[in-house]
Amino acid sequence: MTARADDDLDRRLTDDGIAVLKEVVGRQIPEMVNVTQIHSGPMGRIQQTAIIAGEVIAYQGDVTVNDSLTKLTRGEEIIATLEDLDLAGDDIMLVSHESSLCNFLMYLTNEDILMSNSSLTAIETESLARGAGRLLWQESPNSSEIKRTTAFVDQF
Protein backbone atom coordinates (compact mmCIF):
# COMPACT_ATOMS: atom_id res chain seq x y z
CA MET A 1 0.00 0.00 0.00
CA THR A 2 2.46 2.56 -1.18
CA ALA A 3 2.18 5.56 -3.44
CA ARG A 4 4.12 5.69 -6.70
CA ALA A 5 7.50 7.41 -6.79
CA ASP A 6 10.28 7.57 -9.35
CA ASP A 7 12.77 6.26 -6.85
CA ASP A 8 11.71 3.25 -4.78
CA LEU A 9 13.66 4.68 -1.83
CA ASP A 10 11.30 7.67 -1.73
CA ARG A 11 7.95 5.89 -1.99
CA ARG A 12 5.54 6.78 0.80
CA LEU A 13 2.58 4.96 2.33
CA THR A 14 -0.84 5.80 0.94
CA ASP A 15 -3.59 7.09 3.21
CA ASP A 16 -5.16 3.61 3.11
CA GLY A 17 -1.82 2.04 4.03
CA ILE A 18 -1.46 4.38 6.99
CA ALA A 19 -4.98 3.57 8.20
CA VAL A 20 -4.33 -0.20 8.00
CA LEU A 21 -1.00 0.18 9.78
CA LYS A 22 -2.56 2.17 12.62
CA GLU A 23 -5.36 -0.38 12.97
CA VAL A 24 -3.03 -3.40 13.08
CA VAL A 25 -0.55 -1.83 15.50
CA GLY A 26 -3.41 -0.49 17.61
CA ARG A 27 -4.69 -4.03 18.21
CA GLN A 28 -1.44 -4.98 19.93
CA ILE A 29 -0.61 -1.84 21.97
CA PRO A 30 -0.66 -3.72 25.33
CA GLU A 31 1.89 -6.20 23.95
CA MET A 32 4.27 -3.42 22.90
CA VAL A 33 4.42 -1.18 25.96
CA ASN A 34 7.97 -2.39 26.70
CA VAL A 35 9.44 -1.50 23.29
CA THR A 36 12.56 0.53 24.01
CA GLN A 37 14.13 0.51 20.55
CA ILE A 38 12.76 0.77 17.02
CA HIS A 39 15.03 -0.06 14.09
CA SER A 40 13.95 0.74 10.54
CA GLY A 41 15.24 -0.13 7.12
CA PRO A 42 16.50 2.76 4.97
CA MET A 43 13.58 3.03 2.52
CA GLY A 44 11.22 5.98 2.92
CA ARG A 45 8.04 3.96 3.42
CA ILE A 46 9.78 1.64 5.87
CA GLN A 47 10.95 4.60 7.95
CA GLN A 48 7.48 6.13 7.71
CA THR A 49 6.00 2.84 8.93
CA ALA A 50 8.39 2.75 11.90
CA ILE A 51 7.56 6.33 12.89
CA ILE A 52 3.79 5.78 12.67
CA ALA A 53 3.99 2.48 14.60
CA GLY A 54 6.01 4.28 17.27
CA GLU A 55 3.40 7.02 17.53
CA VAL A 56 0.60 4.46 17.91
CA ILE A 57 2.35 2.69 20.80
CA ALA A 58 3.46 6.02 22.38
CA TYR A 59 7.15 5.15 21.88
CA GLN A 60 9.35 7.87 23.36
CA GLY A 61 12.71 7.18 21.70
CA ASP A 62 14.24 7.77 18.31
CA VAL A 63 13.83 5.48 15.32
CA THR A 64 17.24 4.15 14.30
CA VAL A 65 17.73 3.70 10.56
CA ASN A 66 19.62 0.48 10.02
CA ASP A 67 21.04 -0.22 6.57
CA SER A 68 21.04 -3.98 7.20
CA LEU A 69 17.22 -4.06 7.15
CA THR A 70 16.81 -4.17 3.39
CA LYS A 71 14.72 -6.26 1.04
CA LEU A 72 16.89 -9.36 0.77
CA THR A 73 18.79 -9.31 4.05
CA ARG A 74 19.42 -12.78 5.47
CA GLY A 75 18.64 -13.66 9.08
CA GLU A 76 22.33 -14.03 9.87
CA GLU A 77 22.99 -10.48 8.64
CA ILE A 78 20.28 -9.06 10.89
CA ILE A 79 21.70 -11.06 13.82
CA ALA A 80 25.18 -9.62 13.14
CA THR A 81 23.71 -6.11 13.28
CA LEU A 82 21.75 -6.81 16.47
CA GLU A 83 24.85 -8.20 18.17
CA ASP A 84 26.33 -4.69 18.02
CA LEU A 85 23.39 -3.23 19.98
CA ASP A 86 22.68 -3.12 23.70
CA LEU A 87 19.63 -5.40 23.95
CA ALA A 88 19.74 -6.18 27.67
CA GLY A 89 16.16 -7.12 28.52
CA ASP A 90 14.67 -4.75 25.96
CA ASP A 91 11.78 -5.31 23.60
CA ILE A 92 12.76 -4.08 20.16
CA MET A 93 10.77 -3.47 17.00
CA LEU A 94 12.31 -4.16 13.59
CA VAL A 95 10.60 -2.59 10.59
CA SER A 96 11.65 -3.79 7.16
CA HIS A 97 10.58 -5.73 4.09
CA GLU A 98 8.57 -8.91 4.41
CA SER A 99 11.35 -10.99 2.84
CA SER A 100 14.11 -9.96 5.25
CA LEU A 101 11.90 -10.29 8.33
CA CYS A 102 10.74 -13.75 7.21
CA ASN A 103 14.42 -14.71 6.90
CA PHE A 104 15.02 -13.37 10.42
CA LEU A 105 12.01 -15.24 11.84
CA MET A 106 13.15 -18.48 10.21
CA TYR A 107 16.65 -18.03 11.64
CA LEU A 108 15.41 -17.42 15.19
CA THR A 109 12.47 -19.84 15.31
CA ASN A 110 13.25 -22.52 12.70
CA GLU A 111 9.73 -21.90 11.38
CA ASP A 112 8.77 -20.64 7.93
CA ILE A 113 6.37 -17.81 8.77
CA LEU A 114 4.71 -15.56 6.20
CA MET A 115 4.37 -11.85 6.88
CA SER A 116 2.08 -9.68 4.78
CA ASN A 117 2.35 -5.91 4.44
CA SER A 118 1.35 -4.12 7.64
CA SER A 119 1.69 -7.24 9.75
CA LEU A 120 3.32 -7.67 13.14
CA THR A 121 4.96 -10.80 14.45
CA ALA A 122 6.31 -11.11 17.98
CA ILE A 123 9.02 -13.51 19.07
CA GLU A 124 10.63 -14.06 22.43
CA THR A 125 14.25 -15.02 22.71
CA GLU A 126 16.93 -14.99 25.37
CA SER A 127 19.73 -15.23 22.81
CA LEU A 128 20.30 -14.52 19.14
CA ALA A 129 21.17 -18.14 18.40
CA ARG A 130 19.61 -20.06 15.52
CA GLY A 131 16.37 -21.66 16.74
CA ALA A 132 16.42 -19.86 20.11
CA GLY A 133 13.26 -17.85 19.49
CA ARG A 134 9.67 -18.70 20.32
CA LEU A 135 6.80 -17.33 18.26
CA LEU A 136 4.35 -15.41 20.48
CA TRP A 137 1.74 -13.89 18.17
CA GLN A 138 1.05 -12.45 14.76
CA GLU A 139 -1.33 -9.69 13.73
CA SER A 140 -2.14 -8.76 10.14
CA PRO A 141 -4.81 -6.65 8.44
CA ASN A 142 -7.18 -9.61 8.10
CA SER A 143 -6.18 -12.08 10.80
CA SER A 144 -4.58 -12.79 14.16
CA GLU A 145 -3.64 -16.28 13.05
CA ILE A 146 0.04 -17.16 12.63
CA LYS A 147 0.68 -17.87 8.96
CA ARG A 148 2.97 -20.88 8.68
CA THR A 149 3.95 -22.15 5.26
CA THR A 150 3.67 -25.76 4.27
CA ALA A 151 5.29 -25.49 0.87
CA PHE A 152 7.31 -23.02 -1.16
CA VAL A 153 4.25 -22.34 -3.31
CA ASP A 154 2.43 -20.91 -0.23
CA GLN A 155 4.56 -17.80 -0.61
CA PHE A 156 2.95 -16.80 -3.92
C-alpha atoms as a PDB file:
ATOM      1  CA  MET A   1       0.000   0.000   0.000  1.00  0.00           C
ATOM      2  CA  THR A   2       2.461   2.557  -1.176  1.00  0.00           C
ATOM      3  CA  ALA A   3       2.182   5.564  -3.436  1.00  0.00           C
ATOM      4  CA  ARG A   4       4.123   5.695  -6.699  1.00  0.00           C
ATOM      5  CA  ALA A   5       7.496   7.411  -6.788  1.00  0.00           C
ATOM      6  CA  ASP A   6      10.277   7.574  -9.352  1.00  0.00           C
ATOM      7  CA  ASP A   7      12.775   6.258  -6.854  1.00  0.00           C
ATOM      8  CA  ASP A   8      11.710   3.247  -4.777  1.00  0.00           C
ATOM      9  CA  LEU A   9      13.658   4.679  -1.828  1.00  0.00           C
ATOM     10  CA  ASP A  10      11.302   7.669  -1.735  1.00  0.00           C
ATOM     11  CA  ARG A  11       7.951   5.885  -1.986  1.00  0.00           C
ATOM     12  CA  ARG A  12       5.541   6.780   0.804  1.00  0.00           C
ATOM     13  CA  LEU A  13       2.578   4.958   2.325  1.00  0.00           C
ATOM     14  CA  THR A  14      -0.840   5.795   0.941  1.00  0.00           C
ATOM     15  CA  ASP A  15      -3.592   7.091   3.205  1.00  0.00           C
ATOM     16  CA  ASP A  16      -5.161   3.609   3.108  1.00  0.00           C
ATOM     17  CA  GLY A  17      -1.820   2.039   4.029  1.00  0.00           C
ATOM     18  CA  ILE A  18      -1.461   4.383   6.991  1.00  0.00           C
ATOM     19  CA  ALA A  19      -4.980   3.566   8.199  1.00  0.00           C
ATOM     20  CA  VAL A  20      -4.334  -0.203   7.999  1.00  0.00           C
ATOM     21  CA  LEU A  21      -1.000   0.184   9.778  1.00  0.00           C
ATOM     22  CA  LYS A  22      -2.564   2.166  12.623  1.00  0.00           C
ATOM     23  CA  GLU A  23      -5.360  -0.382  12.974  1.00  0.00           C
ATOM     24  CA  VAL A  24      -3.034  -3.404  13.077  1.00  0.00           C
ATOM     25  CA  VAL A  25      -0.551  -1.828  15.504  1.00  0.00           C
ATOM     26  CA  GLY A  26      -3.414  -0.495  17.614  1.00  0.00           C
ATOM     27  CA  ARG A  27      -4.695  -4.032  18.206  1.00  0.00           C
ATOM     28  CA  GLN A  28      -1.436  -4.976  19.927  1.00  0.00           C
ATOM     29  CA  ILE A  29      -0.615  -1.842  21.973  1.00  0.00           C
ATOM     30  CA  PRO A  30      -0.657  -3.724  25.326  1.00  0.00           C
ATOM     31  CA  GLU A  31       1.891  -6.198  23.949  1.00  0.00           C
ATOM     32  CA  MET A  32       4.266  -3.418  22.896  1.00  0.00           C
ATOM     33  CA  VAL A  33       4.419  -1.181  25.956  1.00  0.00           C
ATOM     34  CA  ASN A  34       7.971  -2.387  26.697  1.00  0.00           C
ATOM     35  CA  VAL A  35       9.440  -1.496  23.288  1.00  0.00           C
ATOM     36  CA  THR A  36      12.559   0.528  24.015  1.00  0.00           C
ATOM     37  CA  GLN A  37      14.130   0.508  20.548  1.00  0.00           C
ATOM     38  CA  ILE A  38      12.756   0.766  17.022  1.00  0.00           C
ATOM     39  CA  HIS A  39      15.028  -0.059  14.086  1.00  0.00           C
ATOM     40  CA  SER A  40      13.949   0.737  10.542  1.00  0.00           C
ATOM     41  CA  GLY A  41      15.240  -0.133   7.118  1.00  0.00           C
ATOM     42  CA  PRO A  42      16.501   2.758   4.973  1.00  0.00           C
ATOM     43  CA  MET A  43      13.578   3.034   2.524  1.00  0.00           C
ATOM     44  CA  GLY A  44      11.217   5.981   2.917  1.00  0.00           C
ATOM     45  CA  ARG A  45       8.040   3.964   3.421  1.00  0.00           C
ATOM     46  CA  ILE A  46       9.784   1.638   5.869  1.00  0.00           C
ATOM     47  CA  GLN A  47      10.952   4.598   7.951  1.00  0.00           C
ATOM     48  CA  GLN A  48       7.477   6.129   7.709  1.00  0.00           C
ATOM     49  CA  THR A  49       5.997   2.836   8.934  1.00  0.00           C
ATOM     50  CA  ALA A  50       8.389   2.750  11.901  1.00  0.00           C
ATOM     51  CA  ILE A  51       7.557   6.325  12.894  1.00  0.00           C
ATOM     52  CA  ILE A  52       3.792   5.783  12.674  1.00  0.00           C
ATOM     53  CA  ALA A  53       3.988   2.483  14.602  1.00  0.00           C
ATOM     54  CA  GLY A  54       6.015   4.276  17.268  1.00  0.00           C
ATOM     55  CA  GLU A  55       3.401   7.017  17.526  1.00  0.00           C
ATOM     56  CA  VAL A  56       0.601   4.459  17.905  1.00  0.00           C
ATOM     57  CA  ILE A  57       2.347   2.694  20.803  1.00  0.00           C
ATOM     58  CA  ALA A  58       3.463   6.017  22.377  1.00  0.00           C
ATOM     59  CA  TYR A  59       7.149   5.155  21.878  1.00  0.00           C
ATOM     60  CA  GLN A  60       9.350   7.873  23.360  1.00  0.00           C
ATOM     61  CA  GLY A  61      12.713   7.177  21.699  1.00  0.00           C
ATOM     62  CA  ASP A  62      14.242   7.766  18.307  1.00  0.00           C
ATOM     63  CA  VAL A  63      13.829   5.478  15.324  1.00  0.00           C
ATOM     64  CA  THR A  64      17.244   4.155  14.297  1.00  0.00           C
ATOM     65  CA  VAL A  65      17.734   3.702  10.557  1.00  0.00           C
ATOM     66  CA  ASN A  66      19.624   0.476  10.024  1.00  0.00           C
ATOM     67  CA  ASP A  67      21.043  -0.216   6.571  1.00  0.00           C
ATOM     68  CA  SER A  68      21.043  -3.978   7.196  1.00  0.00           C
ATOM     69  CA  LEU A  69      17.219  -4.058   7.151  1.00  0.00           C
ATOM     70  CA  THR A  70      16.808  -4.172   3.387  1.00  0.00           C
ATOM     71  CA  LYS A  71      14.718  -6.263   1.045  1.00  0.00           C
ATOM     72  CA  LEU A  72      16.889  -9.362   0.768  1.00  0.00           C
ATOM     73  CA  THR A  73      18.791  -9.313   4.053  1.00  0.00           C
ATOM     74  CA  ARG A  74      19.415 -12.778   5.473  1.00  0.00           C
ATOM     75  CA  GLY A  75      18.640 -13.658   9.076  1.00  0.00           C
ATOM     76  CA  GLU A  76      22.329 -14.033   9.869  1.00  0.00           C
ATOM     77  CA  GLU A  77      22.988 -10.481   8.640  1.00  0.00           C
ATOM     78  CA  ILE A  78      20.281  -9.062  10.890  1.00  0.00           C
ATOM     79  CA  ILE A  79      21.702 -11.057  13.818  1.00  0.00           C
ATOM     80  CA  ALA A  80      25.176  -9.620  13.144  1.00  0.00           C
ATOM     81  CA  THR A  81      23.714  -6.109  13.276  1.00  0.00           C
ATOM     82  CA  LEU A  82      21.754  -6.814  16.467  1.00  0.00           C
ATOM     83  CA  GLU A  83      24.853  -8.198  18.171  1.00  0.00           C
ATOM     84  CA  ASP A  84      26.334  -4.685  18.017  1.00  0.00           C
ATOM     85  CA  LEU A  85      23.387  -3.228  19.984  1.00  0.00           C
ATOM     86  CA  ASP A  86      22.681  -3.120  23.697  1.00  0.00           C
ATOM     87  CA  LEU A  87      19.635  -5.401  23.950  1.00  0.00           C
ATOM     88  CA  ALA A  88      19.739  -6.183  27.665  1.00  0.00           C
ATOM     89  CA  GLY A  89      16.159  -7.116  28.515  1.00  0.00           C
ATOM     90  CA  ASP A  90      14.673  -4.746  25.960  1.00  0.00           C
ATOM     91  CA  ASP A  91      11.784  -5.312  23.598  1.00  0.00           C
ATOM     92  CA  ILE A  92      12.759  -4.082  20.160  1.00  0.00           C
ATOM     93  CA  MET A  93      10.772  -3.473  16.999  1.00  0.00           C
ATOM     94  CA  LEU A  94      12.305  -4.162  13.589  1.00  0.00           C
ATOM     95  CA  VAL A  95      10.599  -2.589  10.590  1.00  0.00           C
ATOM     96  CA  SER A  96      11.651  -3.792   7.160  1.00  0.00           C
ATOM     97  CA  HIS A  97      10.580  -5.729   4.094  1.00  0.00           C
ATOM     98  CA  GLU A  98       8.573  -8.906   4.411  1.00  0.00           C
ATOM     99  CA  SER A  99      11.347 -10.987   2.839  1.00  0.00           C
ATOM    100  CA  SER A 100      14.113  -9.961   5.252  1.00  0.00           C
ATOM    101  CA  LEU A 101      11.896 -10.286   8.325  1.00  0.00           C
ATOM    102  CA  CYS A 102      10.736 -13.745   7.215  1.00  0.00           C
ATOM    103  CA  ASN A 103      14.422 -14.708   6.903  1.00  0.00           C
ATOM    104  CA  PHE A 104      15.024 -13.371  10.421  1.00  0.00           C
ATOM    105  CA  LEU A 105      12.013 -15.241  11.839  1.00  0.00           C
ATOM    106  CA  MET A 106      13.154 -18.475  10.210  1.00  0.00           C
ATOM    107  CA  TYR A 107      16.652 -18.031  11.637  1.00  0.00           C
ATOM    108  CA  LEU A 108      15.413 -17.425  15.193  1.00  0.00           C
ATOM    109  CA  THR A 109      12.473 -19.844  15.306  1.00  0.00           C
ATOM    110  CA  ASN A 110      13.249 -22.522  12.704  1.00  0.00           C
ATOM    111  CA  GLU A 111       9.730 -21.901  11.380  1.00  0.00           C
ATOM    112  CA  ASP A 112       8.766 -20.641   7.933  1.00  0.00           C
ATOM    113  CA  ILE A 113       6.372 -17.807   8.773  1.00  0.00           C
ATOM    114  CA  LEU A 114       4.714 -15.559   6.201  1.00  0.00           C
ATOM    115  CA  MET A 115       4.370 -11.850   6.877  1.00  0.00           C
ATOM    116  CA  SER A 116       2.084  -9.683   4.778  1.00  0.00           C
ATOM    117  CA  ASN A 117       2.346  -5.914   4.437  1.00  0.00           C
ATOM    118  CA  SER A 118       1.352  -4.115   7.644  1.00  0.00           C
ATOM    119  CA  SER A 119       1.693  -7.243   9.749  1.00  0.00           C
ATOM    120  CA  LEU A 120       3.323  -7.665  13.138  1.00  0.00           C
ATOM    121  CA  THR A 121       4.955 -10.802  14.447  1.00  0.00           C
ATOM    122  CA  ALA A 122       6.310 -11.115  17.976  1.00  0.00           C
ATOM    123  CA  ILE A 123       9.019 -13.508  19.069  1.00  0.00           C
ATOM    124  CA  GLU A 124      10.634 -14.057  22.429  1.00  0.00           C
ATOM    125  CA  THR A 125      14.251 -15.024  22.710  1.00  0.00           C
ATOM    126  CA  GLU A 126      16.931 -14.994  25.367  1.00  0.00           C
ATOM    127  CA  SER A 127      19.728 -15.228  22.805  1.00  0.00           C
ATOM    128  CA  LEU A 128      20.295 -14.516  19.138  1.00  0.00           C
ATOM    129  CA  ALA A 129      21.166 -18.142  18.401  1.00  0.00           C
ATOM    130  CA  ARG A 130      19.612 -20.058  15.523  1.00  0.00           C
ATOM    131  CA  GLY A 131      16.371 -21.655  16.737  1.00  0.00           C
ATOM    132  CA  ALA A 132      16.422 -19.864  20.114  1.00  0.00           C
ATOM    133  CA  GLY A 133      13.259 -17.846  19.493  1.00  0.00           C
ATOM    134  CA  ARG A 134       9.665 -18.696  20.322  1.00  0.00           C
ATOM    135  CA  LEU A 135       6.798 -17.327  18.263  1.00  0.00           C
ATOM    136  CA  LEU A 136       4.352 -15.413  20.479  1.00  0.00           C
ATOM    137  CA  TRP A 137       1.736 -13.892  18.171  1.00  0.00           C
ATOM    138  CA  GLN A 138       1.045 -12.449  14.757  1.00  0.00           C
ATOM    139  CA  GLU A 139      -1.334  -9.686  13.733  1.00  0.00           C
ATOM    140  CA  SER A 140      -2.142  -8.758  10.141  1.00  0.00           C
ATOM    141  CA  PRO A 141      -4.806  -6.651   8.442  1.00  0.00           C
ATOM    142  CA  ASN A 142      -7.175  -9.608   8.105  1.00  0.00           C
ATOM    143  CA  SER A 143      -6.176 -12.078  10.805  1.00  0.00           C
ATOM    144  CA  SER A 144      -4.582 -12.785  14.163  1.00  0.00           C
ATOM    145  CA  GLU A 145      -3.642 -16.280  13.046  1.00  0.00           C
ATOM    146  CA  ILE A 146       0.040 -17.160  12.626  1.00  0.00           C
ATOM    147  CA  LYS A 147       0.683 -17.871   8.959  1.00  0.00           C
ATOM    148  CA  ARG A 148       2.974 -20.881   8.679  1.00  0.00           C
ATOM    149  CA  THR A 149       3.951 -22.145   5.259  1.00  0.00           C
ATOM    150  CA  THR A 150       3.666 -25.757   4.270  1.00  0.00           C
ATOM    151  CA  ALA A 151       5.289 -25.492   0.866  1.00  0.00           C
ATOM    152  CA  PHE A 152       7.311 -23.018  -1.163  1.00  0.00           C
ATOM    153  CA  VAL A 153       4.247 -22.339  -3.306  1.00  0.00           C
ATOM    154  CA  ASP A 154       2.434 -20.905  -0.229  1.00  0.00           C
ATOM    155  CA  GLN A 155       4.559 -17.802  -0.606  1.00  0.00           C
ATOM    156  CA  PHE A 156       2.951 -16.800  -3.922  1.00  0.00           C
END
